[in-house]
Amino acid sequence: AEISSYSSNLLSHQKWRVGTLNVLLQKWVSLGLPGVESDCTNYLR
């Protein structure tokens, strides 16, 4: 929900940030670190 809300607030020329955020959060979850819900990675994919 946080990612979806953030993405919807971005202007068209800012949407690329979601792709960069995806790289960070995918690694975050793969390391098993707390702070990011695992279903975020499926949504971002």
ModelCIF file with pLDDT and N, C-alpha, C, O atoms, coordinates in Angstrom:
data_MODEL
#
_entry.id   MODEL 
#
_entity.id                         1 
_entity.type                       polymer 
_entity.pdbx_number_of_molecules   1 
#
_entity_poly.entity_id                      1 
_entity_poly.type                           'polypeptide(L)' 
_entity_poly.nstd_linkage                   no 
_entity_poly.nstd_monomer                   no 
_entity_poly.pdbx_seq_one_letter_code       AEISSYSSNLLSHQKWRVGTLNVLLQKWVSLGLPGVESDCTNYLR 
_entity_poly.pdbx_seq_one_letter_code_can   AEISSYSSNLLSHQKWRVGTLNVLLQKWVSLGLPGVESDCTNYLR 
_entity_poly.pdbx_strand_id                 A 
#
loop_
_entity_poly_seq.entity_id 
_entity_poly_seq.num 
_entity_poly_seq.mon_id 
_entity_poly_seq.hetero 
1 1  ALA n 
1 2  GLU n 
1 3  ILE n 
1 4  SER n 
1 5  SER n 
1 6  TYR n 
1 7  SER n 
1 8  SER n 
1 9  ASN n 
1 10 LEU n 
1 11 LEU n 
1 12 SER n 
1 13 HIS n 
1 14 GLN n 
1 15 LYS n 
1 16 TRP n 
1 17 ARG n 
1 18 VAL n 
1 19 GLY n 
1 20 THR n 
1 21 LEU n 
1 22 ASN n 
1 23 VAL n 
1 24 LEU n 
1 25 LEU n 
1 26 GLN n 
1 27 LYS n 
1 28 TRP n 
1 29 VAL n 
1 30 SER n 
1 31 LEU n 
1 32 GLY n 
1 33 LEU n 
1 34 PRO n 
1 35 GLY n 
1 36 VAL n 
1 37 GLU n 
1 38 SER n 
1 39 ASP n 
1 40 CYS n 
1 41 THR n 
1 42 ASN n 
1 43 TYR n 
1 44 LEU n 
1 45 ARG n 
#
_struct_asym.id          A 
_struct_asym.entity_id   1 
#
loop_
_ma_qa_metric.id 
_ma_qa_metric.mode 
_ma_qa_metric.name 
_ma_qa_metric.software_group_id 
_ma_qa_metric.type 
1 global pLDDT . pLDDT 
2 local  pLDDT . pLDDT 
#
_ma_qa_metric_global.metric_id      1 
_ma_qa_metric_global.metric_value   87.76 
_ma_qa_metric_global.model_id       1 
_ma_qa_metric_global.ordinal_id     1 
#
loop_
_ma_qa_metric_local.label_asym_id 
_ma_qa_metric_local.label_comp_id 
_ma_qa_metric_local.label_seq_id 
_ma_qa_metric_local.metric_id 
_ma_qa_metric_local.metric_value 
_ma_qa_metric_local.model_id 
_ma_qa_metric_local.ordinal_id 
A ALA 1  2 90.00 1 1  
A GLU 2  2 90.00 1 2  
A ILE 3  2 90.00 1 3  
A SER 4  2 88.00 1 4  
A SER 5  2 88.00 1 5  
A TYR 6  2 89.00 1 6  
A SER 7  2 87.00 1 7  
A SER 8  2 86.00 1 8  
A ASN 9  2 85.00 1 9  
A LEU 10 2 86.00 1 10 
A LEU 11 2 82.00 1 11 
A SER 12 2 77.00 1 12 
A HIS 13 2 75.00 1 13 
A GLN 14 2 82.00 1 14 
A LYS 15 2 83.00 1 15 
A TRP 16 2 83.00 1 16 
A ARG 17 2 88.00 1 17 
A VAL 18 2 88.00 1 18 
A GLY 19 2 87.00 1 19 
A THR 20 2 89.00 1 20 
A LEU 21 2 92.00 1 21 
A ASN 22 2 90.00 1 22 
A VAL 23 2 91.00 1 23 
A LEU 24 2 93.00 1 24 
A LEU 25 2 93.00 1 25 
A GLN 26 2 92.00 1 26 
A LYS 27 2 92.00 1 27 
A TRP 28 2 94.00 1 28 
A VAL 29 2 92.00 1 29 
A SER 30 2 91.00 1 30 
A LEU 31 2 91.00 1 31 
A GLY 32 2 90.00 1 32 
A LEU 33 2 92.00 1 33 
A PRO 34 2 92.00 1 34 
A GLY 35 2 93.00 1 35 
A VAL 36 2 93.00 1 36 
A GLU 37 2 92.00 1 37 
A SER 38 2 87.00 1 38 
A ASP 39 2 87.00 1 39 
A CYS 40 2 86.00 1 40 
A THR 41 2 82.00 1 41 
A ASN 42 2 84.00 1 42 
A TYR 43 2 85.00 1 43 
A LEU 44 2 83.00 1 44 
A ARG 45 2 79.00 1 45 
#
loop_
_atom_site.group_PDB 
_atom_site.id 
_atom_site.type_symbol 
_atom_site.label_atom_id 
_atom_site.label_alt_id 
_atom_site.label_comp_id 
_atom_site.label_asym_id 
_atom_site.label_entity_id 
_atom_site.label_seq_id 
_atom_site.pdbx_PDB_ins_code 
_atom_site.Cartn_x 
_atom_site.Cartn_y 
_atom_site.Cartn_z 
_atom_site.occupancy 
_atom_site.B_iso_or_equiv 
_atom_site.pdbx_formal_charge 
_atom_site.auth_seq_id 
_atom_site.auth_comp_id 
_atom_site.auth_asym_id 
_atom_site.auth_atom_id 
_atom_site.pdbx_PDB_model_num 
ATOM 1   N N  . ALA A 1 1  ? 0.827  -1.204  0.000   1.00 90.00 ? 1  ALA A N  1 
ATOM 2   C CA . ALA A 1 1  ? 0.000  0.000   0.000   1.00 90.00 ? 1  ALA A CA 1 
ATOM 3   C C  . ALA A 1 1  ? 0.865  1.259   0.000   1.00 90.00 ? 1  ALA A C  1 
ATOM 4   O O  . ALA A 1 1  ? 0.535  2.238   -0.670  1.00 90.00 ? 1  ALA A O  1 
ATOM 5   N N  . GLU A 1 2  ? 1.982  1.237   0.757   1.00 90.00 ? 2  GLU A N  1 
ATOM 6   C CA . GLU A 1 2  ? 2.884  2.383   0.793   1.00 90.00 ? 2  GLU A CA 1 
ATOM 7   C C  . GLU A 1 2  ? 3.506  2.631   -0.588  1.00 90.00 ? 2  GLU A C  1 
ATOM 8   O O  . GLU A 1 2  ? 3.589  3.769   -1.048  1.00 90.00 ? 2  GLU A O  1 
ATOM 9   N N  . ILE A 1 3  ? 3.934  1.561   -1.227  1.00 90.00 ? 3  ILE A N  1 
ATOM 10  C CA . ILE A 1 3  ? 4.561  1.680   -2.548  1.00 90.00 ? 3  ILE A CA 1 
ATOM 11  C C  . ILE A 1 3  ? 3.548  2.180   -3.572  1.00 90.00 ? 3  ILE A C  1 
ATOM 12  O O  . ILE A 1 3  ? 3.855  3.041   -4.397  1.00 90.00 ? 3  ILE A O  1 
ATOM 13  N N  . SER A 1 4  ? 2.327  1.623   -3.508  1.00 88.00 ? 4  SER A N  1 
ATOM 14  C CA . SER A 1 4  ? 1.283  2.028   -4.449  1.00 88.00 ? 4  SER A CA 1 
ATOM 15  C C  . SER A 1 4  ? 0.924  3.500   -4.279  1.00 88.00 ? 4  SER A C  1 
ATOM 16  O O  . SER A 1 4  ? 0.747  4.225   -5.258  1.00 88.00 ? 4  SER A O  1 
ATOM 17  N N  . SER A 1 5  ? 0.818  3.933   -3.019  1.00 88.00 ? 5  SER A N  1 
ATOM 18  C CA . SER A 1 5  ? 0.500  5.331   -2.741  1.00 88.00 ? 5  SER A CA 1 
ATOM 19  C C  . SER A 1 5  ? 1.610  6.247   -3.235  1.00 88.00 ? 5  SER A C  1 
ATOM 20  O O  . SER A 1 5  ? 1.338  7.285   -3.838  1.00 88.00 ? 5  SER A O  1 
ATOM 21  N N  . TYR A 1 6  ? 2.852  5.870   -2.983  1.00 89.00 ? 6  TYR A N  1 
ATOM 22  C CA . TYR A 1 6  ? 4.003  6.665   -3.430  1.00 89.00 ? 6  TYR A CA 1 
ATOM 23  C C  . TYR A 1 6  ? 4.020  6.775   -4.952  1.00 89.00 ? 6  TYR A C  1 
ATOM 24  O O  . TYR A 1 6  ? 4.220  7.857   -5.504  1.00 89.00 ? 6  TYR A O  1 
ATOM 25  N N  . SER A 1 7  ? 3.810  5.651   -5.620  1.00 87.00 ? 7  SER A N  1 
ATOM 26  C CA . SER A 1 7  ? 3.844  5.638   -7.082  1.00 87.00 ? 7  SER A CA 1 
ATOM 27  C C  . SER A 1 7  ? 2.764  6.530   -7.674  1.00 87.00 ? 7  SER A C  1 
ATOM 28  O O  . SER A 1 7  ? 2.999  7.227   -8.661  1.00 87.00 ? 7  SER A O  1 
ATOM 29  N N  . SER A 1 8  ? 1.583  6.508   -7.072  1.00 86.00 ? 8  SER A N  1 
ATOM 30  C CA . SER A 1 8  ? 0.468  7.318   -7.597  1.00 86.00 ? 8  SER A CA 1 
ATOM 31  C C  . SER A 1 8  ? 0.706  8.811   -7.408  1.00 86.00 ? 8  SER A C  1 
ATOM 32  O O  . SER A 1 8  ? 0.132  9.625   -8.131  1.00 86.00 ? 8  SER A O  1 
ATOM 33  N N  . ASN A 1 9  ? 1.545  9.177   -6.443  1.00 85.00 ? 9  ASN A N  1 
ATOM 34  C CA . ASN A 1 9  ? 1.832  10.587  -6.194  1.00 85.00 ? 9  ASN A CA 1 
ATOM 35  C C  . ASN A 1 9  ? 2.896  11.158  -7.126  1.00 85.00 ? 9  ASN A C  1 
ATOM 36  O O  . ASN A 1 9  ? 3.070  12.374  -7.204  1.00 85.00 ? 9  ASN A O  1 
ATOM 37  N N  . LEU A 1 10 ? 3.609  10.276  -7.833  1.00 86.00 ? 10 LEU A N  1 
ATOM 38  C CA . LEU A 1 10 ? 4.698  10.719  -8.699  1.00 86.00 ? 10 LEU A CA 1 
ATOM 39  C C  . LEU A 1 10 ? 4.154  11.289  -10.009 1.00 86.00 ? 10 LEU A C  1 
ATOM 40  O O  . LEU A 1 10 ? 3.162  10.796  -10.545 1.00 86.00 ? 10 LEU A O  1 
ATOM 41  N N  . LEU A 1 11 ? 4.807  12.320  -10.512 1.00 82.00 ? 11 LEU A N  1 
ATOM 42  C CA . LEU A 1 11 ? 4.488  12.852  -11.828 1.00 82.00 ? 11 LEU A CA 1 
ATOM 43  C C  . LEU A 1 11 ? 5.027  11.909  -12.891 1.00 82.00 ? 11 LEU A C  1 
ATOM 44  O O  . LEU A 1 11 ? 5.850  11.044  -12.592 1.00 82.00 ? 11 LEU A O  1 
ATOM 45  N N  . SER A 1 12 ? 4.579  12.063  -14.112 1.00 77.00 ? 12 SER A N  1 
ATOM 46  C CA . SER A 1 12 ? 4.960  11.125  -15.179 1.00 77.00 ? 12 SER A CA 1 
ATOM 47  C C  . SER A 1 12 ? 6.462  11.036  -15.366 1.00 77.00 ? 12 SER A C  1 
ATOM 48  O O  . SER A 1 12 ? 6.992  9.953   -15.613 1.00 77.00 ? 12 SER A O  1 
ATOM 49  N N  . HIS A 1 13 ? 7.164  12.178  -15.250 1.00 75.00 ? 13 HIS A N  1 
ATOM 50  C CA . HIS A 1 13 ? 8.602  12.161  -15.468 1.00 75.00 ? 13 HIS A CA 1 
ATOM 51  C C  . HIS A 1 13 ? 9.371  11.641  -14.250 1.00 75.00 ? 13 HIS A C  1 
ATOM 52  O O  . HIS A 1 13 ? 10.595 11.522  -14.292 1.00 75.00 ? 13 HIS A O  1 
ATOM 53  N N  . GLN A 1 14 ? 8.638  11.326  -13.147 1.00 82.00 ? 14 GLN A N  1 
ATOM 54  C CA . GLN A 1 14 ? 9.275  10.798  -11.942 1.00 82.00 ? 14 GLN A CA 1 
ATOM 55  C C  . GLN A 1 14 ? 9.051  9.300   -11.762 1.00 82.00 ? 14 GLN A C  1 
ATOM 56  O O  . GLN A 1 14 ? 9.612  8.705   -10.842 1.00 82.00 ? 14 GLN A O  1 
ATOM 57  N N  . LYS A 1 15 ? 8.249  8.681   -12.616 1.00 83.00 ? 15 LYS A N  1 
ATOM 58  C CA . LYS A 1 15 ? 7.867  7.285   -12.438 1.00 83.00 ? 15 LYS A CA 1 
ATOM 59  C C  . LYS A 1 15 ? 9.061  6.331   -12.449 1.00 83.00 ? 15 LYS A C  1 
ATOM 60  O O  . LYS A 1 15 ? 8.990  5.236   -11.893 1.00 83.00 ? 15 LYS A O  1 
ATOM 61  N N  . TRP A 1 16 ? 10.141 6.745   -13.075 1.00 83.00 ? 16 TRP A N  1 
ATOM 62  C CA . TRP A 1 16 ? 11.320 5.879   -13.131 1.00 83.00 ? 16 TRP A CA 1 
ATOM 63  C C  . TRP A 1 16 ? 11.857 5.565   -11.731 1.00 83.00 ? 16 TRP A C  1 
ATOM 64  O O  . TRP A 1 16 ? 12.551 4.567   -11.543 1.00 83.00 ? 16 TRP A O  1 
ATOM 65  N N  . ARG A 1 17 ? 11.539 6.408   -10.758 1.00 88.00 ? 17 ARG A N  1 
ATOM 66  C CA . ARG A 1 17 ? 12.032 6.193   -9.392  1.00 88.00 ? 17 ARG A CA 1 
ATOM 67  C C  . ARG A 1 17 ? 11.519 4.880   -8.811  1.00 88.00 ? 17 ARG A C  1 
ATOM 68  O O  . ARG A 1 17 ? 12.185 4.268   -7.976  1.00 88.00 ? 17 ARG A O  1 
ATOM 69  N N  . VAL A 1 18 ? 10.340 4.447   -9.248  1.00 88.00 ? 18 VAL A N  1 
ATOM 70  C CA . VAL A 1 18 ? 9.793  3.188   -8.745  1.00 88.00 ? 18 VAL A CA 1 
ATOM 71  C C  . VAL A 1 18 ? 10.695 2.024   -9.145  1.00 88.00 ? 18 VAL A C  1 
ATOM 72  O O  . VAL A 1 18 ? 10.893 1.091   -8.367  1.00 88.00 ? 18 VAL A O  1 
ATOM 73  N N  . GLY A 1 19 ? 11.236 2.081   -10.350 1.00 87.00 ? 19 GLY A N  1 
ATOM 74  C CA . GLY A 1 19 ? 12.157 1.032   -10.802 1.00 87.00 ? 19 GLY A CA 1 
ATOM 75  C C  . GLY A 1 19 ? 13.414 0.981   -9.966  1.00 87.00 ? 19 GLY A C  1 
ATOM 76  O O  . GLY A 1 19 ? 13.891 -0.102  -9.625  1.00 87.00 ? 19 GLY A O  1 
ATOM 77  N N  . THR A 1 20 ? 13.964 2.152   -9.628  1.00 89.00 ? 20 THR A N  1 
ATOM 78  C CA . THR A 1 20 ? 15.172 2.196   -8.798  1.00 89.00 ? 20 THR A CA 1 
ATOM 79  C C  . THR A 1 20 ? 14.860 1.734   -7.374  1.00 89.00 ? 20 THR A C  1 
ATOM 80  O O  . THR A 1 20 ? 15.659 1.023   -6.763  1.00 89.00 ? 20 THR A O  1 
ATOM 81  N N  . LEU A 1 21 ? 13.698 2.137   -6.843  1.00 92.00 ? 21 LEU A N  1 
ATOM 82  C CA . LEU A 1 21 ? 13.280 1.690   -5.515  1.00 92.00 ? 21 LEU A CA 1 
ATOM 83  C C  . LEU A 1 21 ? 13.095 0.182   -5.491  1.00 92.00 ? 21 LEU A C  1 
ATOM 84  O O  . LEU A 1 21 ? 13.384 -0.467  -4.486  1.00 92.00 ? 21 LEU A O  1 
ATOM 85  N N  . ASN A 1 22 ? 12.618 -0.375  -6.589  1.00 90.00 ? 22 ASN A N  1 
ATOM 86  C CA . ASN A 1 22 ? 12.439 -1.820  -6.709  1.00 90.00 ? 22 ASN A CA 1 
ATOM 87  C C  . ASN A 1 22 ? 13.764 -2.558  -6.512  1.00 90.00 ? 22 ASN A C  1 
ATOM 88  O O  . ASN A 1 22 ? 13.814 -3.574  -5.819  1.00 90.00 ? 22 ASN A O  1 
ATOM 89  N N  . VAL A 1 23 ? 14.839 -2.044  -7.126  1.00 91.00 ? 23 VAL A N  1 
ATOM 90  C CA . VAL A 1 23 ? 16.156 -2.672  -6.993  1.00 91.00 ? 23 VAL A CA 1 
ATOM 91  C C  . VAL A 1 23 ? 16.577 -2.722  -5.526  1.00 91.00 ? 23 VAL A C  1 
ATOM 92  O O  . VAL A 1 23 ? 17.084 -3.739  -5.052  1.00 91.00 ? 23 VAL A O  1 
ATOM 93  N N  . LEU A 1 24 ? 16.366 -1.625  -4.817  1.00 93.00 ? 24 LEU A N  1 
ATOM 94  C CA . LEU A 1 24 ? 16.757 -1.543  -3.410  1.00 93.00 ? 24 LEU A CA 1 
ATOM 95  C C  . LEU A 1 24 ? 15.930 -2.494  -2.548  1.00 93.00 ? 24 LEU A C  1 
ATOM 96  O O  . LEU A 1 24 ? 16.487 -3.243  -1.746  1.00 93.00 ? 24 LEU A O  1 
ATOM 97  N N  . LEU A 1 25 ? 14.608 -2.471  -2.707  1.00 93.00 ? 25 LEU A N  1 
ATOM 98  C CA . LEU A 1 25 ? 13.736 -3.265  -1.845  1.00 93.00 ? 25 LEU A CA 1 
ATOM 99  C C  . LEU A 1 25 ? 13.834 -4.756  -2.138  1.00 93.00 ? 25 LEU A C  1 
ATOM 100 O O  . LEU A 1 25 ? 13.691 -5.572  -1.228  1.00 93.00 ? 25 LEU A O  1 
ATOM 101 N N  . GLN A 1 26 ? 14.079 -5.127  -3.403  1.00 92.00 ? 26 GLN A N  1 
ATOM 102 C CA . GLN A 1 26 ? 14.260 -6.545  -3.726  1.00 92.00 ? 26 GLN A CA 1 
ATOM 103 C C  . GLN A 1 26 ? 15.469 -7.109  -2.984  1.00 92.00 ? 26 GLN A C  1 
ATOM 104 O O  . GLN A 1 26 ? 15.421 -8.218  -2.454  1.00 92.00 ? 26 GLN A O  1 
ATOM 105 N N  . LYS A 1 27 ? 16.544 -6.341  -2.954  1.00 92.00 ? 27 LYS A N  1 
ATOM 106 C CA . LYS A 1 27 ? 17.737 -6.782  -2.242  1.00 92.00 ? 27 LYS A CA 1 
ATOM 107 C C  . LYS A 1 27 ? 17.472 -6.810  -0.733  1.00 92.00 ? 27 LYS A C  1 
ATOM 108 O O  . LYS A 1 27 ? 17.905 -7.727  -0.036  1.00 92.00 ? 27 LYS A O  1 
ATOM 109 N N  . TRP A 1 28 ? 16.761 -5.802  -0.242  1.00 94.00 ? 28 TRP A N  1 
ATOM 110 C CA . TRP A 1 28 ? 16.424 -5.697  1.189   1.00 94.00 ? 28 TRP A CA 1 
ATOM 111 C C  . TRP A 1 28 ? 15.715 -6.969  1.653   1.00 94.00 ? 28 TRP A C  1 
ATOM 112 O O  . TRP A 1 28 ? 16.102 -7.571  2.654   1.00 94.00 ? 28 TRP A O  1 
ATOM 113 N N  . VAL A 1 29 ? 14.677 -7.373  0.921   1.00 92.00 ? 29 VAL A N  1 
ATOM 114 C CA . VAL A 1 29 ? 13.900 -8.550  1.296   1.00 92.00 ? 29 VAL A CA 1 
ATOM 115 C C  . VAL A 1 29 ? 14.722 -9.829  1.141   1.00 92.00 ? 29 VAL A C  1 
ATOM 116 O O  . VAL A 1 29 ? 14.641 -10.727 1.979   1.00 92.00 ? 29 VAL A O  1 
ATOM 117 N N  . SER A 1 30 ? 15.516 -9.909  0.066   1.00 91.00 ? 30 SER A N  1 
ATOM 118 C CA . SER A 1 30 ? 16.317 -11.121 -0.148  1.00 91.00 ? 30 SER A CA 1 
ATOM 119 C C  . SER A 1 30 ? 17.339 -11.352 0.952   1.00 91.00 ? 30 SER A C  1 
ATOM 120 O O  . SER A 1 30 ? 17.758 -12.486 1.183   1.00 91.00 ? 30 SER A O  1 
ATOM 121 N N  . LEU A 1 31 ? 17.745 -10.281 1.637   1.00 91.00 ? 31 LEU A N  1 
ATOM 122 C CA . LEU A 1 31 ? 18.693 -10.409 2.748   1.00 91.00 ? 31 LEU A CA 1 
ATOM 123 C C  . LEU A 1 31 ? 17.993 -10.797 4.052   1.00 91.00 ? 31 LEU A C  1 
ATOM 124 O O  . LEU A 1 31 ? 18.653 -11.033 5.064   1.00 91.00 ? 31 LEU A O  1 
ATOM 125 N N  . GLY A 1 32 ? 16.653 -10.864 4.030   1.00 90.00 ? 32 GLY A N  1 
ATOM 126 C CA . GLY A 1 32 ? 15.910 -11.248 5.212   1.00 90.00 ? 32 GLY A CA 1 
ATOM 127 C C  . GLY A 1 32 ? 15.927 -10.205 6.310   1.00 90.00 ? 32 GLY A C  1 
ATOM 128 O O  . GLY A 1 32 ? 15.833 -10.552 7.488   1.00 90.00 ? 32 GLY A O  1 
ATOM 129 N N  . LEU A 1 33 ? 16.043 -8.944  5.955   1.00 92.00 ? 33 LEU A N  1 
ATOM 130 C CA . LEU A 1 33 ? 16.142 -7.864  6.933   1.00 92.00 ? 33 LEU A CA 1 
ATOM 131 C C  . LEU A 1 33 ? 14.757 -7.288  7.244   1.00 92.00 ? 33 LEU A C  1 
ATOM 132 O O  . LEU A 1 33 ? 13.916 -7.210  6.348   1.00 92.00 ? 33 LEU A O  1 
ATOM 133 N N  . PRO A 1 34 ? 14.506 -6.889  8.473   1.00 92.00 ? 34 PRO A N  1 
ATOM 134 C CA . PRO A 1 34 ? 13.203 -6.339  8.838   1.00 92.00 ? 34 PRO A CA 1 
ATOM 135 C C  . PRO A 1 34 ? 12.997 -4.937  8.276   1.00 92.00 ? 34 PRO A C  1 
ATOM 136 O O  . PRO A 1 34 ? 13.950 -4.205  8.011   1.00 92.00 ? 34 PRO A O  1 
ATOM 137 N N  . GLY A 1 35 ? 11.703 -4.579  8.097   1.00 93.00 ? 35 GLY A N  1 
ATOM 138 C CA . GLY A 1 35 ? 11.364 -3.233  7.656   1.00 93.00 ? 35 GLY A CA 1 
ATOM 139 C C  . GLY A 1 35 ? 10.570 -3.186  6.377   1.00 93.00 ? 35 GLY A C  1 
ATOM 140 O O  . GLY A 1 35 ? 9.890  -2.193  6.117   1.00 93.00 ? 35 GLY A O  1 
ATOM 141 N N  . VAL A 1 36 ? 10.632 -4.248  5.549   1.00 93.00 ? 36 VAL A N  1 
ATOM 142 C CA . VAL A 1 36 ? 9.904  -4.306  4.289   1.00 93.00 ? 36 VAL A CA 1 
ATOM 143 C C  . VAL A 1 36 ? 9.084  -5.587  4.253   1.00 93.00 ? 36 VAL A C  1 
ATOM 144 O O  . VAL A 1 36 ? 9.617  -6.677  4.464   1.00 93.00 ? 36 VAL A O  1 
ATOM 145 N N  . GLU A 1 37 ? 7.778  -5.456  3.985   1.00 92.00 ? 37 GLU A N  1 
ATOM 146 C CA . GLU A 1 37 ? 6.924  -6.631  3.878   1.00 92.00 ? 37 GLU A CA 1 
ATOM 147 C C  . GLU A 1 37 ? 7.287  -7.414  2.615   1.00 92.00 ? 37 GLU A C  1 
ATOM 148 O O  . GLU A 1 37 ? 7.537  -6.832  1.559   1.00 92.00 ? 37 GLU A O  1 
ATOM 149 N N  . SER A 1 38 ? 7.310  -8.743  2.740   1.00 87.00 ? 38 SER A N  1 
ATOM 150 C CA . SER A 1 38 ? 7.763  -9.588  1.629   1.00 87.00 ? 38 SER A CA 1 
ATOM 151 C C  . SER A 1 38 ? 6.877  -9.481  0.399   1.00 87.00 ? 38 SER A C  1 
ATOM 152 O O  . SER A 1 38 ? 7.362  -9.652  -0.719  1.00 87.00 ? 38 SER A O  1 
ATOM 153 N N  . ASP A 1 39 ? 5.569  -9.200  0.580   1.00 87.00 ? 39 ASP A N  1 
ATOM 154 C CA . ASP A 1 39 ? 4.692  -9.123  -0.585  1.00 87.00 ? 39 ASP A CA 1 
ATOM 155 C C  . ASP A 1 39 ? 4.979  -7.890  -1.450  1.00 87.00 ? 39 ASP A C  1 
ATOM 156 O O  . ASP A 1 39 ? 4.488  -7.795  -2.575  1.00 87.00 ? 39 ASP A O  1 
ATOM 157 N N  . CYS A 1 40 ? 5.775  -6.944  -0.927  1.00 86.00 ? 40 CYS A N  1 
ATOM 158 C CA . CYS A 1 40 ? 6.175  -5.776  -1.720  1.00 86.00 ? 40 CYS A CA 1 
ATOM 159 C C  . CYS A 1 40 ? 6.947  -6.189  -2.973  1.00 86.00 ? 40 CYS A C  1 
ATOM 160 O O  . CYS A 1 40 ? 6.778  -5.609  -4.045  1.00 86.00 ? 40 CYS A O  1 
ATOM 161 N N  . THR A 1 41 ? 7.789  -7.194  -2.814  1.00 82.00 ? 41 THR A N  1 
ATOM 162 C CA . THR A 1 41 ? 8.634  -7.598  -3.944  1.00 82.00 ? 41 THR A CA 1 
ATOM 163 C C  . THR A 1 41 ? 7.801  -8.173  -5.082  1.00 82.00 ? 41 THR A C  1 
ATOM 164 O O  . THR A 1 41 ? 8.087  -7.920  -6.252  1.00 82.00 ? 41 THR A O  1 
ATOM 165 N N  . ASN A 1 42 ? 6.764  -8.950  -4.742  1.00 84.00 ? 42 ASN A N  1 
ATOM 166 C CA . ASN A 1 42 ? 5.890  -9.499  -5.783  1.00 84.00 ? 42 ASN A CA 1 
ATOM 167 C C  . ASN A 1 42 ? 5.138  -8.383  -6.491  1.00 84.00 ? 42 ASN A C  1 
ATOM 168 O O  . ASN A 1 42 ? 4.995  -8.393  -7.714  1.00 84.00 ? 42 ASN A O  1 
ATOM 169 N N  . TYR A 1 43 ? 4.662  -7.429  -5.715  1.00 85.00 ? 43 TYR A N  1 
ATOM 170 C CA . TYR A 1 43 ? 3.933  -6.300  -6.300  1.00 85.00 ? 43 TYR A CA 1 
ATOM 171 C C  . TYR A 1 43 ? 4.844  -5.497  -7.235  1.00 85.00 ? 43 TYR A C  1 
ATOM 172 O O  . TYR A 1 43 ? 4.433  -5.118  -8.332  1.00 85.00 ? 43 TYR A O  1 
ATOM 173 N N  . LEU A 1 44 ? 6.082  -5.241  -6.795  1.00 83.00 ? 44 LEU A N  1 
ATOM 174 C CA . LEU A 1 44 ? 7.019  -4.455  -7.602  1.00 83.00 ? 44 LEU A CA 1 
ATOM 175 C C  . LEU A 1 44 ? 7.419  -5.181  -8.876  1.00 83.00 ? 44 LEU A C  1 
ATOM 176 O O  . LEU A 1 44 ? 7.670  -4.554  -9.905  1.00 83.00 ? 44 LEU A O  1 
ATOM 177 N N  . ARG A 1 45 ? 7.477  -6.522  -8.802  1.00 79.00 ? 45 ARG A N  1 
ATOM 178 C CA . ARG A 1 45 ? 7.815  -7.292  -10.010 1.00 79.00 ? 45 ARG A CA 1 
ATOM 179 C C  . ARG A 1 45 ? 6.711  -7.192  -11.055 1.00 79.00 ? 45 ARG A C  1 
ATOM 180 O O  . ARG A 1 45 ? 6.825  -7.777  -12.132 1.00 79.00 ? 45 ARG A O  1 
#
